[in-house]
Amino acid sequence: VIHDEKWIERMETIAVQVTDKVIHDGMDRDGSVFYEKIDGL
């Protein structure tokens, strides 16, 4: 929205990182997403 190419590149890179991490750590086998993780649980 602020049309900043450096921020776009940085934030989209983070977005892919975060999305991959949620898929790896937070998704159940049926594709749904768990709520949260506290103290490893």
Full PDB file with SEQRES, HELIX, SHEET, SSBOND, CRYST1, ORIGX, SCALE, CONECT and MASTER records, all heavy atoms in Angstrom:
SEQRES   1 A   41  VAL ILE HIS ASP GLU LYS TRP ILE GLU ARG MET GLU THR          
SEQRES   2 A   41  ILE ALA VAL GLN VAL THR ASP LYS VAL ILE HIS ASP GLY          
SEQRES   3 A   41  MET ASP ARG ASP GLY SER VAL PHE TYR GLU LYS ILE ASP          
SEQRES   4 A   41  GLY LEU                                                      
HELIX    1 AA1 GLU A    5  GLY A   26  1                                  22    
CRYST1    1.000    1.000    1.000  90.00  90.00  90.00 P 1           1          
ORIGX1      1.000000  0.000000  0.000000        0.00000                         
ORIGX2      0.000000  1.000000  0.000000        0.00000                         
ORIGX3      0.000000  0.000000  1.000000        0.00000                         
SCALE1      1.000000  0.000000  0.000000        0.00000                         
SCALE2      0.000000  1.000000  0.000000        0.00000                         
SCALE3      0.000000  0.000000  1.000000        0.00000                         
ATOM      1  N   VAL A   1       0.827  -1.214   0.000  1.00  0.00           N  
ATOM      2  CA  VAL A   1       0.000   0.000   0.000  1.00  0.00           C  
ATOM      3  C   VAL A   1       0.857   1.257   0.000  1.00  0.00           C  
ATOM      4  O   VAL A   1       0.501   2.255  -0.640  1.00  0.00           O  
ATOM      5  CB  VAL A   1      -0.983  -0.027   1.196  1.00  0.00           C  
ATOM      6  CG1 VAL A   1      -1.604   1.352   1.428  1.00  0.00           C  
ATOM      7  CG2 VAL A   1      -2.088  -1.054   0.950  1.00  0.00           C  
ATOM      8  N   ILE A   2       2.016   1.231   0.687  1.00  0.00           N  
ATOM      9  CA  ILE A   2       2.876   2.419   0.677  1.00  0.00           C  
ATOM     10  C   ILE A   2       3.847   2.395  -0.512  1.00  0.00           C  
ATOM     11  O   ILE A   2       4.683   3.294  -0.654  1.00  0.00           O  
ATOM     12  CB  ILE A   2       3.641   2.592   2.001  1.00  0.00           C  
ATOM     13  CG1 ILE A   2       4.583   1.414   2.259  1.00  0.00           C  
ATOM     14  CG2 ILE A   2       2.667   2.804   3.163  1.00  0.00           C  
ATOM     15  CD1 ILE A   2       5.505   1.621   3.473  1.00  0.00           C  
ATOM     16  N   HIS A   3       3.755   1.370  -1.345  1.00  0.00           N  
ATOM     17  CA  HIS A   3       4.527   1.270  -2.597  1.00  0.00           C  
ATOM     18  C   HIS A   3       6.032   1.371  -2.354  1.00  0.00           C  
ATOM     19  O   HIS A   3       6.746   2.083  -3.058  1.00  0.00           O  
ATOM     20  CB  HIS A   3       4.091   2.360  -3.591  1.00  0.00           C  
ATOM     21  CG  HIS A   3       2.633   2.339  -3.898  1.00  0.00           C  
ATOM     22  ND1 HIS A   3       2.018   1.304  -4.579  1.00  0.00           N  
ATOM     23  CD2 HIS A   3       1.639   3.224  -3.600  1.00  0.00           C  
ATOM     24  CE1 HIS A   3       0.728   1.557  -4.692  1.00  0.00           C  
ATOM     25  NE2 HIS A   3       0.460   2.700  -4.110  1.00  0.00           N  
ATOM     26  N   ASP A   4       6.498   0.609  -1.356  1.00  0.00           N  
ATOM     27  CA  ASP A   4       7.929   0.605  -1.040  1.00  0.00           C  
ATOM     28  C   ASP A   4       8.502  -0.747  -1.459  1.00  0.00           C  
ATOM     29  O   ASP A   4       8.245  -1.765  -0.818  1.00  0.00           O  
ATOM     30  CB  ASP A   4       8.128   0.840   0.461  1.00  0.00           C  
ATOM     31  CG  ASP A   4       9.587   1.041   0.838  1.00  0.00           C  
ATOM     32  OD1 ASP A   4      10.406   0.167   0.490  1.00  0.00           O  
ATOM     33  OD2 ASP A   4       9.905   2.049   1.495  1.00  0.00           O  
ATOM     34  N   GLU A   5       9.279  -0.757  -2.531  1.00  0.00           N  
ATOM     35  CA  GLU A   5       9.762  -2.021  -3.099  1.00  0.00           C  
ATOM     36  C   GLU A   5      10.665  -2.793  -2.139  1.00  0.00           C  
ATOM     37  O   GLU A   5      10.612  -4.028  -2.086  1.00  0.00           O  
ATOM     38  CB  GLU A   5      10.508  -1.754  -4.409  1.00  0.00           C  
ATOM     39  CG  GLU A   5       9.611  -1.273  -5.544  1.00  0.00           C  
ATOM     40  CD  GLU A   5       8.507  -2.275  -5.883  1.00  0.00           C  
ATOM     41  OE1 GLU A   5       8.770  -3.496  -5.809  1.00  0.00           O  
ATOM     42  OE2 GLU A   5       7.391  -1.836  -6.213  1.00  0.00           O  
ATOM     43  N   LYS A   6      11.490  -2.085  -1.370  1.00  0.00           N  
ATOM     44  CA  LYS A   6      12.363  -2.789  -0.416  1.00  0.00           C  
ATOM     45  C   LYS A   6      11.543  -3.462   0.670  1.00  0.00           C  
ATOM     46  O   LYS A   6      11.815  -4.604   1.061  1.00  0.00           O  
ATOM     47  CB  LYS A   6      13.370  -1.811   0.183  1.00  0.00           C  
ATOM     48  CG  LYS A   6      14.437  -1.356  -0.794  1.00  0.00           C  
ATOM     49  CD  LYS A   6      15.469  -0.451  -0.129  1.00  0.00           C  
ATOM     50  CE  LYS A   6      16.547  -0.042  -1.115  1.00  0.00           C  
ATOM     51  NZ  LYS A   6      17.557   0.879  -0.492  1.00  0.00           N  
ATOM     52  N   TRP A   7      10.526  -2.744   1.165  1.00  0.00           N  
ATOM     53  CA  TRP A   7       9.674  -3.351   2.182  1.00  0.00           C  
ATOM     54  C   TRP A   7       8.854  -4.491   1.583  1.00  0.00           C  
ATOM     55  O   TRP A   7       8.633  -5.514   2.247  1.00  0.00           O  
ATOM     56  CB  TRP A   7       8.744  -2.311   2.802  1.00  0.00           C  
ATOM     57  CG  TRP A   7       9.314  -1.545   3.959  1.00  0.00           C  
ATOM     58  CD1 TRP A   7       9.330  -0.191   4.104  1.00  0.00           C  
ATOM     59  CD2 TRP A   7       9.918  -2.081   5.134  1.00  0.00           C  
ATOM     60  NE1 TRP A   7       9.913   0.160   5.303  1.00  0.00           N  
ATOM     61  CE2 TRP A   7      10.279  -0.981   5.958  1.00  0.00           C  
ATOM     62  CE3 TRP A   7      10.202  -3.369   5.592  1.00  0.00           C  
ATOM     63  CZ2 TRP A   7      10.903  -1.136   7.195  1.00  0.00           C  
ATOM     64  CZ3 TRP A   7      10.823  -3.539   6.821  1.00  0.00           C  
ATOM     65  CH2 TRP A   7      11.171  -2.432   7.611  1.00  0.00           C  
ATOM     66  N   ILE A   8       8.399  -4.343   0.371  1.00  0.00           N  
ATOM     67  CA  ILE A   8       7.631  -5.418  -0.259  1.00  0.00           C  
ATOM     68  C   ILE A   8       8.472  -6.686  -0.331  1.00  0.00           C  
ATOM     69  O   ILE A   8       8.019  -7.783   0.056  1.00  0.00           O  
ATOM     70  CB  ILE A   8       7.149  -5.000  -1.665  1.00  0.00           C  
ATOM     71  CG1 ILE A   8       6.096  -3.896  -1.566  1.00  0.00           C  
ATOM     72  CG2 ILE A   8       6.581  -6.215  -2.427  1.00  0.00           C  
ATOM     73  CD1 ILE A   8       5.725  -3.277  -2.897  1.00  0.00           C  
ATOM     74  N   GLU A   9       9.696  -6.555  -0.807  1.00  0.00           N  
ATOM     75  CA  GLU A   9      10.574  -7.723  -0.913  1.00  0.00           C  
ATOM     76  C   GLU A   9      10.828  -8.347   0.461  1.00  0.00           C  
ATOM     77  O   GLU A   9      10.760  -9.573   0.629  1.00  0.00           O  
ATOM     78  CB  GLU A   9      11.900  -7.328  -1.559  1.00  0.00           C  
ATOM     79  CG  GLU A   9      12.860  -8.496  -1.726  1.00  0.00           C  
ATOM     80  CD  GLU A   9      14.179  -8.086  -2.358  1.00  0.00           C  
ATOM     81  OE1 GLU A   9      14.362  -6.881  -2.662  1.00  0.00           O  
ATOM     82  OE2 GLU A   9      15.033  -8.978  -2.548  1.00  0.00           O  
ATOM     83  N   ARG A  10      11.091  -7.494   1.454  1.00  0.00           N  
ATOM     84  CA  ARG A  10      11.394  -8.004   2.797  1.00  0.00           C  
ATOM     85  C   ARG A  10      10.183  -8.683   3.414  1.00  0.00           C  
ATOM     86  O   ARG A  10      10.270  -9.794   3.959  1.00  0.00           O  
ATOM     87  CB  ARG A  10      11.849  -6.845   3.701  1.00  0.00           C  
ATOM     88  CG  ARG A  10      12.162  -7.253   5.137  1.00  0.00           C  
ATOM     89  CD  ARG A  10      13.459  -8.041   5.203  1.00  0.00           C  
ATOM     90  NE  ARG A  10      13.755  -8.432   6.568  1.00  0.00           N  
ATOM     91  CZ  ARG A  10      13.851  -9.698   6.992  1.00  0.00           C  
ATOM     92  NH1 ARG A  10      13.644 -10.696   6.142  1.00  0.00           N  
ATOM     93  NH2 ARG A  10      14.139  -9.977   8.235  1.00  0.00           N  
ATOM     94  N   MET A  11       9.031  -8.052   3.336  1.00  0.00           N  
ATOM     95  CA  MET A  11       7.845  -8.589   3.981  1.00  0.00           C  
ATOM     96  C   MET A  11       7.313  -9.825   3.266  1.00  0.00           C  
ATOM     97  O   MET A  11       6.806 -10.746   3.911  1.00  0.00           O  
ATOM     98  CB  MET A  11       6.761  -7.509   4.078  1.00  0.00           C  
ATOM     99  CG  MET A  11       7.072  -6.448   5.121  1.00  0.00           C  
ATOM    100  SD  MET A  11       7.356  -7.200   6.760  1.00  0.00           S  
ATOM    101  CE  MET A  11       8.205  -5.878   7.592  1.00  0.00           C  
ATOM    102  N   GLU A  12       7.427  -9.864   1.955  1.00  0.00           N  
ATOM    103  CA  GLU A  12       6.985 -11.057   1.246  1.00  0.00           C  
ATOM    104  C   GLU A  12       7.921 -12.238   1.518  1.00  0.00           C  
ATOM    105  O   GLU A  12       7.467 -13.386   1.588  1.00  0.00           O  
ATOM    106  CB  GLU A  12       6.866 -10.766  -0.244  1.00  0.00           C  
ATOM    107  CG  GLU A  12       5.688  -9.847  -0.572  1.00  0.00           C  
ATOM    108  CD  GLU A  12       5.428  -9.685  -2.051  1.00  0.00           C  
ATOM    109  OE1 GLU A  12       6.308 -10.071  -2.865  1.00  0.00           O  
ATOM    110  OE2 GLU A  12       4.353  -9.178  -2.413  1.00  0.00           O  
ATOM    111  N   THR A  13       9.203 -11.958   1.707  1.00  0.00           N  
ATOM    112  CA  THR A  13      10.144 -13.016   2.099  1.00  0.00           C  
ATOM    113  C   THR A  13       9.773 -13.575   3.467  1.00  0.00           C  
ATOM    114  O   THR A  13       9.742 -14.802   3.672  1.00  0.00           O  
ATOM    115  CB  THR A  13      11.589 -12.481   2.122  1.00  0.00           C  
ATOM    116  OG1 THR A  13      11.945 -12.024   0.819  1.00  0.00           O  
ATOM    117  CG2 THR A  13      12.567 -13.563   2.567  1.00  0.00           C  
ATOM    118  N   ILE A  14       9.486 -12.684   4.414  1.00  0.00           N  
ATOM    119  CA  ILE A  14       9.065 -13.119   5.746  1.00  0.00           C  
ATOM    120  C   ILE A  14       7.749 -13.885   5.664  1.00  0.00           C  
ATOM    121  O   ILE A  14       7.563 -14.906   6.343  1.00  0.00           O  
ATOM    122  CB  ILE A  14       8.951 -11.910   6.698  1.00  0.00           C  
ATOM    123  CG1 ILE A  14      10.341 -11.383   7.055  1.00  0.00           C  
ATOM    124  CG2 ILE A  14       8.173 -12.273   7.967  1.00  0.00           C  
ATOM    125  CD1 ILE A  14      10.342 -10.135   7.916  1.00  0.00           C  
ATOM    126  N   ALA A  15       6.836 -13.419   4.823  1.00  0.00           N  
ATOM    127  CA  ALA A  15       5.535 -14.082   4.697  1.00  0.00           C  
ATOM    128  C   ALA A  15       5.698 -15.539   4.279  1.00  0.00           C  
ATOM    129  O   ALA A  15       5.031 -16.433   4.826  1.00  0.00           O  
ATOM    130  CB  ALA A  15       4.659 -13.337   3.692  1.00  0.00           C  
ATOM    131  N   VAL A  16       6.580 -15.801   3.331  1.00  0.00           N  
ATOM    132  CA  VAL A  16       6.798 -17.177   2.897  1.00  0.00           C  
ATOM    133  C   VAL A  16       7.438 -17.999   4.021  1.00  0.00           C  
ATOM    134  O   VAL A  16       7.035 -19.144   4.270  1.00  0.00           O  
ATOM    135  CB  VAL A  16       7.665 -17.211   1.616  1.00  0.00           C  
ATOM    136  CG1 VAL A  16       7.962 -18.654   1.204  1.00  0.00           C  
ATOM    137  CG2 VAL A  16       6.962 -16.478   0.473  1.00  0.00           C  
ATOM    138  N   GLN A  17       8.420 -17.407   4.719  1.00  0.00           N  
ATOM    139  CA  GLN A  17       9.042 -18.091   5.852  1.00  0.00           C  
ATOM    140  C   GLN A  17       8.001 -18.491   6.894  1.00  0.00           C  
ATOM    141  O   GLN A  17       7.977 -19.629   7.377  1.00  0.00           O  
ATOM    142  CB  GLN A  17      10.063 -17.165   6.529  1.00  0.00           C  
ATOM    143  CG  GLN A  17      11.404 -17.044   5.881  1.00  0.00           C  
ATOM    144  CD  GLN A  17      12.318 -16.150   6.710  1.00  0.00           C  
ATOM    145  OE1 GLN A  17      12.554 -14.989   6.348  1.00  0.00           O  
ATOM    146  NE2 GLN A  17      12.814 -16.655   7.803  1.00  0.00           N  
ATOM    147  N   VAL A  18       7.185 -17.530   7.263  1.00  0.00           N  
ATOM    148  CA  VAL A  18       6.198 -17.754   8.319  1.00  0.00           C  
ATOM    149  C   VAL A  18       5.166 -18.784   7.881  1.00  0.00           C  
ATOM    150  O   VAL A  18       4.799 -19.688   8.641  1.00  0.00           O  
ATOM    151  CB  VAL A  18       5.519 -16.425   8.714  1.00  0.00           C  
ATOM    152  CG1 VAL A  18       4.332 -16.667   9.642  1.00  0.00           C  
ATOM    153  CG2 VAL A  18       6.523 -15.501   9.388  1.00  0.00           C  
ATOM    154  N   THR A  19       4.692 -18.663   6.651  1.00  0.00           N  
ATOM    155  CA  THR A  19       3.700 -19.608   6.147  1.00  0.00           C  
ATOM    156  C   THR A  19       4.247 -21.031   6.153  1.00  0.00           C  
ATOM    157  O   THR A  19       3.565 -21.972   6.581  1.00  0.00           O  
ATOM    158  CB  THR A  19       3.250 -19.214   4.736  1.00  0.00           C  
ATOM    159  OG1 THR A  19       2.728 -17.884   4.758  1.00  0.00           O  
ATOM    160  CG2 THR A  19       2.178 -20.161   4.218  1.00  0.00           C  
ATOM    161  N   ASP A  20       5.477 -21.197   5.697  1.00  0.00           N  
ATOM    162  CA  ASP A  20       6.092 -22.528   5.708  1.00  0.00           C  
ATOM    163  C   ASP A  20       6.215 -23.067   7.129  1.00  0.00           C  
ATOM    164  O   ASP A  20       6.009 -24.265   7.371  1.00  0.00           O  
ATOM    165  CB  ASP A  20       7.477 -22.475   5.059  1.00  0.00           C  
ATOM    166  CG  ASP A  20       7.414 -22.360   3.535  1.00  0.00           C  
ATOM    167  OD1 ASP A  20       6.353 -22.680   2.958  1.00  0.00           O  
ATOM    168  OD2 ASP A  20       8.418 -21.951   2.937  1.00  0.00           O  
ATOM    169  N   LYS A  21       6.510 -22.178   8.083  1.00  0.00           N  
ATOM    170  CA  LYS A  21       6.657 -22.611   9.470  1.00  0.00           C  
ATOM    171  C   LYS A  21       5.313 -23.019  10.055  1.00  0.00           C  
ATOM    172  O   LYS A  21       5.221 -24.009  10.790  1.00  0.00           O  
ATOM    173  CB  LYS A  21       7.279 -21.476  10.298  1.00  0.00           C  
ATOM    174  CG  LYS A  21       7.758 -21.910  11.677  1.00  0.00           C  
ATOM    175  CD  LYS A  21       8.914 -22.883  11.584  1.00  0.00           C  
ATOM    176  CE  LYS A  21       9.522 -23.151  12.956  1.00  0.00           C  
ATOM    177  NZ  LYS A  21      10.576 -24.198  12.900  1.00  0.00           N  
ATOM    178  N   VAL A  22       4.268 -22.277   9.745  1.00  0.00           N  
ATOM    179  CA  VAL A  22       2.928 -22.645  10.219  1.00  0.00           C  
ATOM    180  C   VAL A  22       2.512 -23.991   9.634  1.00  0.00           C  
ATOM    181  O   VAL A  22       1.957 -24.846  10.340  1.00  0.00           O  
ATOM    182  CB  VAL A  22       1.902 -21.550   9.870  1.00  0.00           C  
ATOM    183  CG1 VAL A  22       0.471 -22.041  10.131  1.00  0.00           C  
ATOM    184  CG2 VAL A  22       2.174 -20.286  10.690  1.00  0.00           C  
ATOM    185  N   ILE A  23       2.786 -24.205   8.349  1.00  0.00           N  
ATOM    186  CA  ILE A  23       2.483 -25.490   7.728  1.00  0.00           C  
ATOM    187  C   ILE A  23       3.216 -26.619   8.457  1.00  0.00           C  
ATOM    188  O   ILE A  23       2.641 -27.671   8.768  1.00  0.00           O  
ATOM    189  CB  ILE A  23       2.852 -25.485   6.234  1.00  0.00           C  
ATOM    190  CG1 ILE A  23       1.911 -24.553   5.452  1.00  0.00           C  
ATOM    191  CG2 ILE A  23       2.825 -26.893   5.648  1.00  0.00           C  
ATOM    192  CD1 ILE A  23       2.343 -24.328   4.006  1.00  0.00           C  
ATOM    193  N   HIS A  24       4.494 -26.391   8.748  1.00  0.00           N  
ATOM    194  CA  HIS A  24       5.323 -27.430   9.361  1.00  0.00           C  
ATOM    195  C   HIS A  24       4.952 -27.689  10.818  1.00  0.00           C  
ATOM    196  O   HIS A  24       4.854 -28.845  11.258  1.00  0.00           O  
ATOM    197  CB  HIS A  24       6.798 -27.030   9.269  1.00  0.00           C  
ATOM    198  CG  HIS A  24       7.742 -28.089   9.766  1.00  0.00           C  
ATOM    199  ND1 HIS A  24       8.148 -28.166  11.089  1.00  0.00           N  
ATOM    200  CD2 HIS A  24       8.338 -29.125   9.124  1.00  0.00           C  
ATOM    201  CE1 HIS A  24       8.962 -29.194  11.234  1.00  0.00           C  
ATOM    202  NE2 HIS A  24       9.102 -29.787  10.058  1.00  0.00           N  
ATOM    203  N   ASP A  25       4.731 -26.613  11.587  1.00  0.00           N  
ATOM    204  CA  ASP A  25       4.550 -26.746  13.034  1.00  0.00           C  
ATOM    205  C   ASP A  25       3.091 -26.753  13.476  1.00  0.00           C  
ATOM    206  O   ASP A  25       2.772 -27.309  14.532  1.00  0.00           O  
ATOM    207  CB  ASP A  25       5.246 -25.585  13.770  1.00  0.00           C  
ATOM    208  CG  ASP A  25       6.753 -25.645  13.676  1.00  0.00           C  
ATOM    209  OD1 ASP A  25       7.272 -26.639  13.123  1.00  0.00           O  
ATOM    210  OD2 ASP A  25       7.412 -24.695  14.146  1.00  0.00           O  
ATOM    211  N   GLY A  26       2.212 -26.102  12.704  1.00  0.00           N  
ATOM    212  CA  GLY A  26       0.877 -25.835  13.213  1.00  0.00           C  
ATOM    213  C   GLY A  26      -0.265 -26.510  12.492  1.00  0.00           C  
ATOM    214  O   GLY A  26      -1.425 -26.325  12.875  1.00  0.00           O  
ATOM    215  N   MET A  27       0.016 -27.294  11.456  1.00  0.00           N  
ATOM    216  CA  MET A  27      -1.064 -27.912  10.687  1.00  0.00           C  
ATOM    217  C   MET A  27      -1.264 -29.363  11.080  1.00  0.00           C  
ATOM    218  O   MET A  27      -0.299 -30.117  11.235  1.00  0.00           O  
ATOM    219  CB  MET A  27      -0.785 -27.826   9.185  1.00  0.00           C  
ATOM    220  CG  MET A  27      -1.193 -26.506   8.584  1.00  0.00           C  
ATOM    221  SD  MET A  27      -1.172 -26.575   6.783  1.00  0.00           S  
ATOM    222  CE  MET A  27      -1.955 -25.003   6.408  1.00  0.00           C  
ATOM    223  N   ASP A  28      -2.522 -29.719  11.222  1.00  0.00           N  
ATOM    224  CA  ASP A  28      -2.895 -31.109  11.445  1.00  0.00           C  
ATOM    225  C   ASP A  28      -2.851 -31.861  10.110  1.00  0.00           C  
ATOM    226  O   ASP A  28      -2.733 -31.248   9.041  1.00  0.00           O  
ATOM    227  CB  ASP A  28      -4.295 -31.168  12.055  1.00  0.00           C  
ATOM    228  CG  ASP A  28      -4.551 -32.449  12.838  1.00  0.00           C  
ATOM    229  OD1 ASP A  28      -3.721 -33.378  12.748  1.00  0.00           O  
ATOM    230  OD2 ASP A  28      -5.581 -32.510  13.536  1.00  0.00           O  
ATOM    231  N   ARG A  29      -2.979 -33.163  10.160  1.00  0.00           N  
ATOM    232  CA  ARG A  29      -2.895 -33.973   8.941  1.00  0.00           C  
ATOM    233  C   ARG A  29      -4.016 -33.671   7.953  1.00  0.00           C  
ATOM    234  O   ARG A  29      -3.869 -33.870   6.747  1.00  0.00           O  
ATOM    235  CB  ARG A  29      -2.909 -35.459   9.312  1.00  0.00           C  
ATOM    236  CG  ARG A  29      -1.604 -35.948   9.927  1.00  0.00           C  
ATOM    237  CD  ARG A  29      -1.727 -37.369  10.440  1.00  0.00           C  
ATOM    238  NE  ARG A  29      -2.653 -37.453  11.563  1.00  0.00           N  
ATOM    239  CZ  ARG A  29      -2.932 -38.587  12.208  1.00  0.00           C  
ATOM    240  NH1 ARG A  29      -2.370 -39.719  11.833  1.00  0.00           N  
ATOM    241  NH2 ARG A  29      -3.777 -38.580  13.226  1.00  0.00           N  
ATOM    242  N   ASP A  30      -5.153 -33.181   8.481  1.00  0.00           N  
ATOM    243  CA  ASP A  30      -6.271 -32.854   7.586  1.00  0.00           C  
ATOM    244  C   ASP A  30      -6.175 -31.452   7.010  1.00  0.00           C  
ATOM    245  O   ASP A  30      -7.068 -30.997   6.303  1.00  0.00           O  
ATOM    246  CB  ASP A  30      -7.610 -33.033   8.311  1.00  0.00           C  
ATOM    247  CG  ASP A  30      -7.726 -32.173   9.565  1.00  0.00           C  
ATOM    248  OD1 ASP A  30      -6.899 -31.264   9.752  1.00  0.00           O  
ATOM    249  OD2 ASP A  30      -8.652 -32.416  10.362  1.00  0.00           O  
ATOM    250  N   GLY A  31      -5.074 -30.749   7.321  1.00  0.00           N  
ATOM    251  CA  GLY A  31      -4.862 -29.418   6.766  1.00  0.00           C  
ATOM    252  C   GLY A  31      -5.331 -28.279   7.637  1.00  0.00           C  
ATOM    253  O   GLY A  31      -5.004 -27.122   7.381  1.00  0.00           O  
ATOM    254  N   SER A  32      -6.112 -28.569   8.671  1.00  0.00           N  
ATOM    255  CA  SER A  32      -6.561 -27.522   9.588  1.00  0.00           C  
ATOM    256  C   SER A  32      -5.399 -27.046  10.451  1.00  0.00           C  
ATOM    257  O   SER A  32      -4.359 -27.707  10.541  1.00  0.00           O  
ATOM    258  CB  SER A  32      -7.697 -28.044  10.471  1.00  0.00           C  
ATOM    259  OG  SER A  32      -7.269 -29.179  11.218  1.00  0.00           O  
ATOM    260  N   VAL A  33      -5.571 -25.900  11.092  1.00  0.00           N  
ATOM    261  CA  VAL A  33      -4.482 -25.276  11.834  1.00  0.00           C  
ATOM    262  C   VAL A  33      -4.802 -25.271  13.326  1.00  0.00           C  
ATOM    263  O   VAL A  33      -5.887 -24.850  13.730  1.00  0.00           O  
ATOM    264  CB  VAL A  33      -4.235 -23.832  11.336  1.00  0.00           C  
ATOM    265  CG1 VAL A  33      -3.061 -23.198  12.072  1.00  0.00           C  
ATOM    266  CG2 VAL A  33      -3.967 -23.830   9.833  1.00  0.00           C  
ATOM    267  N   PHE A  34      -3.842 -25.739  14.103  1.00  0.00           N  
ATOM    268  CA  PHE A  34      -3.992 -25.733  15.553  1.00  0.00           C  
ATOM    269  C   PHE A  34      -3.996 -24.299  16.083  1.00  0.00           C  
ATOM    270  O   PHE A  34      -3.584 -23.361  15.400  1.00  0.00           O  
ATOM    271  CB  PHE A  34      -2.855 -26.507  16.217  1.00  0.00           C  
ATOM    272  CG  PHE A  34      -2.808 -27.970  15.874  1.00  0.00           C  
ATOM    273  CD1 PHE A  34      -1.644 -28.546  15.387  1.00  0.00           C  
ATOM    274  CD2 PHE A  34      -3.928 -28.778  16.024  1.00  0.00           C  
ATOM    275  CE1 PHE A  34      -1.588 -29.900  15.073  1.00  0.00           C  
ATOM    276  CE2 PHE A  34      -3.890 -30.126  15.713  1.00  0.00           C  
ATOM    277  CZ  PHE A  34      -2.712 -30.693  15.233  1.00  0.00           C  
ATOM    278  N   TYR A  35      -4.414 -24.155  17.357  1.00  0.00           N  
ATOM    279  CA  TYR A  35      -4.568 -22.822  17.943  1.00  0.00           C  
ATOM    280  C   TYR A  35      -3.230 -22.188  18.323  1.00  0.00           C  
ATOM    281  O   TYR A  35      -2.861 -21.142  17.797  1.00  0.00           O  
ATOM    282  CB  TYR A  35      -5.493 -22.905  19.156  1.00  0.00           C  
ATOM    283  CG  TYR A  35      -5.785 -21.567  19.800  1.00  0.00           C  
ATOM    284  CD1 TYR A  35      -6.177 -20.474  19.035  1.00  0.00           C  
ATOM    285  CD2 TYR A  35      -5.663 -21.403  21.181  1.00  0.00           C  
ATOM    286  CE1 TYR A  35      -6.444 -19.243  19.631  1.00  0.00           C  
ATOM    287  CE2 TYR A  35      -5.938 -20.187  21.780  1.00  0.00           C  
ATOM    288  CZ  TYR A  35      -6.321 -19.110  21.006  1.00  0.00           C  
ATOM    289  OH  TYR A  35      -6.588 -17.901  21.596  1.00  0.00           O  
ATOM    290  N   GLU A  36      -2.508 -22.814  19.238  1.00  0.00           N  
ATOM    291  CA  GLU A  36      -1.272 -22.195  19.711  1.00  0.00           C  
ATOM    292  C   GLU A  36      -0.374 -23.246  20.347  1.00  0.00           C  
ATOM    293  O   GLU A  36      -0.766 -24.405  20.548  1.00  0.00           O  
ATOM    294  CB  GLU A  36      -1.570 -21.081  20.725  1.00  0.00           C  
ATOM    295  CG  GLU A  36      -2.250 -21.546  21.994  1.00  0.00           C  
ATOM    296  CD  GLU A  36      -2.629 -20.398  22.927  1.00  0.00           C  
ATOM    297  OE1 GLU A  36      -2.427 -19.232  22.554  1.00  0.00           O  
ATOM    298  OE2 GLU A  36      -3.124 -20.685  24.038  1.00  0.00           O  
ATOM    299  N   LYS A  37       0.840 -22.797  20.688  1.00  0.00           N  
ATOM    300  CA  LYS A  37       1.824 -23.666  21.330  1.00  0.00           C  
ATOM    301  C   LYS A  37       2.418 -22.915  22.512  1.00  0.00           C  
ATOM    302  O   LYS A  37       2.947 -21.810  22.348  1.00  0.00           O  
ATOM    303  CB  LYS A  37       2.918 -24.050  20.338  1.00  0.00           C  
ATOM    304  CG  LYS A  37       3.931 -25.070  20.849  1.00  0.00           C  
ATOM    305  CD  LYS A  37       4.891 -25.441  19.727  1.00  0.00           C  
ATOM    306  CE  LYS A  37       5.881 -26.503  20.165  1.00  0.00           C  
ATOM    307  NZ  LYS A  37       6.809 -26.879  19.055  1.00  0.00           N  
ATOM    308  N   ILE A  38       2.312 -23.498  23.714  1.00  0.00           N  
ATOM    309  CA  ILE A  38       2.819 -22.862  24.931  1.00  0.00           C  
ATOM    310  C   ILE A  38       3.698 -23.868  25.661  1.00  0.00           C  
ATOM    311  O   ILE A  38       3.274 -25.003  25.915  1.00  0.00           O  
ATOM    312  CB  ILE A  38       1.672 -22.402  25.851  1.00  0.00           C  
ATOM    313  CG1 ILE A  38       0.763 -21.408  25.122  1.00  0.00           C  
ATOM    314  CG2 ILE A  38       2.233 -21.760  27.123  1.00  0.00           C  
ATOM    315  CD1 ILE A  38      -0.431 -20.962  25.948  1.00  0.00           C  
ATOM    316  N   ASP A  39       4.914 -23.444  25.994  1.00  0.00           N  
ATOM    317  CA  ASP A  39       5.867 -24.318  26.700  1.00  0.00           C  
ATOM    318  C   ASP A  39       6.020 -25.663  25.994  1.00  0.00           C  
ATOM    319  O   ASP A  39       6.127 -26.721  26.628  1.00  0.00           O  
ATOM    320  CB  ASP A  39       5.423 -24.535  28.149  1.00  0.00           C  
ATOM    321  CG  ASP A  39       5.430 -23.247  28.960  1.00  0.00           C  
ATOM    322  OD1 ASP A  39       6.307 -22.408  28.701  1.00  0.00           O  
ATOM    323  OD2 ASP A  39       4.559 -23.084  29.827  1.00  0.00           O  
ATOM    324  N   GLY A  40       6.009 -25.623  24.686  1.00  0.00           N  
ATOM    325  CA  GLY A  40       6.218 -26.836  23.905  1.00  0.00           C  
ATOM    326  C   GLY A  40       4.989 -27.684  23.694  1.00  0.00           C  
ATOM    327  O   GLY A  40       5.047 -28.682  22.956  1.00  0.00           O  
ATOM    328  N   LEU A  41       3.863 -27.324  24.317  1.00  0.00           N  
ATOM    329  CA  LEU A  41       2.638 -28.103  24.198  1.00  0.00           C  
ATOM    330  C   LEU A  41       1.672 -27.407  23.246  1.00  0.00           C  
ATOM    331  O   LEU A  41       1.406 -26.211  23.380  1.00  0.00           O  
ATOM    332  CB  LEU A  41       1.984 -28.292  25.566  1.00  0.00           C  
ATOM    333  CG  LEU A  41       2.817 -29.047  26.607  1.00  0.00           C  
ATOM    334  CD1 LEU A  41       2.078 -29.057  27.954  1.00  0.00           C  
ATOM    335  CD2 LEU A  41       3.107 -30.469  26.151  1.00  0.00           C  
TER     336      LEU A  41                                                      
MASTER        0    0    0    1    0    0    0    6  335    1    0    4          
END                                                                             
